[in-house]
Amino acid sequence: MKSINIAITTPALLFPAISLLLLAYTNRFLTTGQLIRGLSANARDGKVPRASKQIKNLKKRVSLIKAMQLYGVSSLILCTISMFLIFLEKNFAGEVLFGLSLLAMTLSLIIALYEIFISVDAINYELEGIKKYTKSYKKEKRDEKHDEHDEEHEHEHHDIIKDDEVKEI
């Protein structure tokens, strides 16, 4: 296999990106932890409706964030070792580790994308819960009930007319 002879600066290019990603992952972890603590406090106060769905979602998100961080840190470590090997002029080993670093970074990003989708689903679930307490939603439900009630009376009226027609014949 032919070596591509990358310079020591090539793996160094990943450092700012990896560092920023790890910072973003840490923020996601802290925010999720804060949500869990808030949910826990509400549970102790008996104020947690629909909690099982939230708990399942949060557990999944925590494990995904852990995996994101694991692969992100692995990428940084592999990148660092790669630079060291290139510095020692062990280019082939450095290039292999740099490739593994890129793979770890890619896995981290894919997991992050999946976690974002789960997070958005959780937010939409919460929005549906909030919607039920809004005036416009309550009015909408009252209007639906009123429309259903009108349809029932219309069917009753229609049946009465048919009965009258039958009596006339």
Protein backbone atom coordinates (compact mmCIF):
# COMPACT_ATOMS: atom_id res chain seq x y z
CA MET A 1 0.00 0.00 0.00
CA LYS A 2 1.42 3.37 -1.02
CA SER A 3 1.82 5.99 1.69
CA ILE A 4 0.36 9.43 0.95
CA ASN A 5 2.90 11.30 3.14
CA ILE A 6 0.69 13.78 4.92
CA ALA A 7 2.32 16.69 6.72
CA ILE A 8 2.05 17.10 10.47
CA THR A 9 -0.17 20.12 9.84
CA THR A 10 -2.90 18.01 8.21
CA PRO A 11 -4.07 16.29 11.42
CA ALA A 12 -3.56 19.60 13.23
CA LEU A 13 -6.32 21.07 11.08
CA LEU A 14 -8.86 18.89 12.91
CA PHE A 15 -8.01 20.26 16.36
CA PRO A 16 -10.23 23.39 16.23
CA ALA A 17 -13.12 21.44 14.70
CA ILE A 18 -12.91 18.62 17.23
CA SER A 19 -12.58 21.09 20.12
CA LEU A 20 -15.66 23.01 19.02
CA LEU A 21 -17.63 19.81 18.55
CA LEU A 22 -16.69 18.58 22.01
CA LEU A 23 -17.79 21.94 23.44
CA ALA A 24 -21.12 21.63 21.62
CA TYR A 25 -21.53 18.05 22.87
CA THR A 26 -20.79 19.15 26.42
CA ASN A 27 -23.43 21.87 26.14
CA ARG A 28 -25.97 19.31 24.90
CA PHE A 29 -25.05 17.06 27.82
CA LEU A 30 -25.40 19.88 30.36
CA THR A 31 -28.74 20.97 28.90
CA THR A 32 -30.07 17.41 28.94
CA GLY A 33 -28.82 16.98 32.51
CA GLN A 34 -30.62 20.17 33.48
CA LEU A 35 -33.85 18.86 31.91
CA ILE A 36 -33.48 15.60 33.81
CA ARG A 37 -32.90 17.43 37.11
CA GLY A 38 -35.97 19.59 36.47
CA LEU A 39 -38.06 16.54 35.66
CA SER A 40 -36.76 14.84 38.80
CA ALA A 41 -37.71 17.83 40.96
CA ASN A 42 -41.18 17.91 39.41
CA ALA A 43 -41.56 14.15 39.97
CA ARG A 44 -40.79 14.58 43.66
CA ASP A 45 -43.50 17.25 43.80
CA GLY A 46 -45.96 14.98 41.96
CA LYS A 47 -46.14 17.32 38.92
CA VAL A 48 -45.08 14.96 36.13
CA PRO A 49 -47.75 13.88 33.68
CA ARG A 50 -46.58 11.85 30.64
CA ALA A 51 -43.20 11.27 32.32
CA SER A 52 -42.46 7.76 31.07
CA LYS A 53 -42.18 8.93 27.46
CA GLN A 54 -39.91 11.81 28.52
CA ILE A 55 -37.72 9.55 30.67
CA LYS A 56 -37.26 7.06 27.84
CA ASN A 57 -36.37 9.88 25.44
CA LEU A 58 -33.91 11.48 27.88
CA LYS A 59 -32.19 8.15 28.67
CA LYS A 60 -31.69 7.54 24.96
CA ARG A 61 -30.36 11.06 24.44
CA VAL A 62 -27.90 10.74 27.35
CA SER A 63 -26.51 7.49 25.94
CA LEU A 64 -26.21 9.03 22.47
CA ILE A 65 -24.43 12.10 23.85
CA LYS A 66 -22.06 9.78 25.71
CA ALA A 67 -21.29 7.97 22.43
CA MET A 68 -20.85 11.30 20.61
CA GLN A 69 -18.36 12.42 23.24
CA LEU A 70 -16.57 9.06 23.24
CA TYR A 71 -16.02 9.12 19.47
CA GLY A 72 -15.15 12.82 19.52
CA VAL A 73 -12.50 12.35 22.23
CA SER A 74 -11.24 9.23 20.45
CA SER A 75 -10.86 11.28 17.29
CA LEU A 76 -8.85 13.91 19.16
CA ILE A 77 -6.59 11.30 20.77
CA LEU A 78 -6.02 9.48 17.48
CA CYS A 79 -5.31 12.76 15.77
CA THR A 80 -2.76 13.68 18.45
CA ILE A 81 -1.01 10.31 18.24
CA SER A 82 -1.06 10.60 14.45
CA MET A 83 0.73 13.94 14.65
CA PHE A 84 3.29 12.46 17.06
CA LEU A 85 3.96 9.51 14.75
CA ILE A 86 4.36 11.83 11.77
CA PHE A 87 6.74 13.92 13.90
CA LEU A 88 8.76 10.72 14.53
CA GLU A 89 8.69 10.14 10.76
CA LYS A 90 6.55 7.01 11.12
CA ASN A 91 4.34 8.32 8.33
CA PHE A 92 2.42 5.17 7.45
CA ALA A 93 1.32 4.56 11.07
CA GLY A 94 0.52 8.27 11.42
CA GLU A 95 -1.60 8.21 8.29
CA VAL A 96 -3.47 5.10 9.42
CA LEU A 97 -4.24 6.71 12.79
CA PHE A 98 -5.29 9.91 11.05
CA GLY A 99 -7.71 7.88 8.91
CA LEU A 100 -9.08 6.26 12.07
CA SER A 101 -9.40 9.73 13.58
CA LEU A 102 -11.50 10.82 10.63
CA LEU A 103 -13.64 7.70 10.97
CA ALA A 104 -14.20 8.37 14.69
CA MET A 105 -15.14 11.97 13.89
CA THR A 106 -17.61 10.80 11.25
CA LEU A 107 -19.25 8.36 13.68
CA SER A 108 -19.48 11.12 16.25
CA LEU A 109 -21.22 13.42 13.77
CA ILE A 110 -23.67 10.73 12.62
CA ILE A 111 -24.65 10.01 16.23
CA ALA A 112 -25.00 13.76 16.84
CA LEU A 113 -27.36 14.03 13.89
CA TYR A 114 -29.49 11.17 15.23
CA GLU A 115 -29.57 12.77 18.69
CA ILE A 116 -30.76 16.03 17.15
CA PHE A 117 -33.73 14.24 15.55
CA ILE A 118 -34.64 12.67 18.90
CA SER A 119 -34.31 16.05 20.59
CA VAL A 120 -36.62 17.68 18.03
CA ASP A 121 -39.19 14.90 18.56
CA ALA A 122 -39.07 15.59 22.31
CA ILE A 123 -39.63 19.29 21.75
CA ASN A 124 -42.57 18.61 19.42
CA TYR A 125 -44.05 16.29 22.05
CA GLU A 126 -43.78 19.06 24.65
CA LEU A 127 -45.33 21.57 22.25
CA GLU A 128 -48.33 19.29 21.78
CA GLY A 129 -48.69 19.14 25.57
CA ILE A 130 -48.53 22.93 25.83
CA LYS A 131 -50.99 23.33 22.98
CA LYS A 132 -53.68 21.57 25.01
CA TYR A 133 -53.58 24.39 27.56
CA THR A 134 -53.93 27.27 25.10
CA LYS A 135 -57.15 29.21 24.62
CA SER A 136 -57.14 28.71 20.85
CA TYR A 137 -56.85 24.91 21.26
CA LYS A 138 -59.71 24.83 23.77
CA LYS A 139 -61.83 27.00 21.45
CA GLU A 140 -60.95 24.69 18.54
CA LYS A 141 -62.08 21.64 20.56
CA ARG A 142 -65.31 23.40 21.60
CA ASP A 143 -65.98 24.27 17.94
CA GLU A 144 -65.36 20.63 16.93
CA LYS A 145 -67.79 19.41 19.59
CA HIS A 146 -70.31 22.02 18.46
CA ASP A 147 -69.92 20.90 14.82
CA GLU A 148 -70.37 17.24 15.84
CA HIS A 149 -73.44 18.18 17.84
CA ASP A 150 -74.87 20.06 14.82
CA GLU A 151 -74.23 17.05 12.57
CA GLU A 152 -76.06 14.76 14.99
CA HIS A 153 -79.08 17.10 15.00
CA GLU A 154 -78.96 17.36 11.22
CA HIS A 155 -79.07 13.55 10.95
CA GLU A 156 -81.94 13.41 13.46
CA HIS A 157 -83.81 16.10 11.51
CA HIS A 158 -83.17 14.24 8.26
CA ASP A 159 -84.51 11.02 9.81
CA ILE A 160 -87.62 12.83 11.04
CA ILE A 161 -88.28 14.16 7.55
CA LYS A 162 -87.94 10.65 6.11
CA ASP A 163 -90.39 9.30 8.71
CA ASP A 164 -92.89 12.05 7.80
CA GLU A 165 -92.51 11.26 4.10
CA VAL A 166 -93.14 7.58 4.80
CA LYS A 167 -96.29 8.44 6.79
CA GLU A 168 -97.65 10.53 3.92
CA ILE A 169 -97.35 7.63 1.48
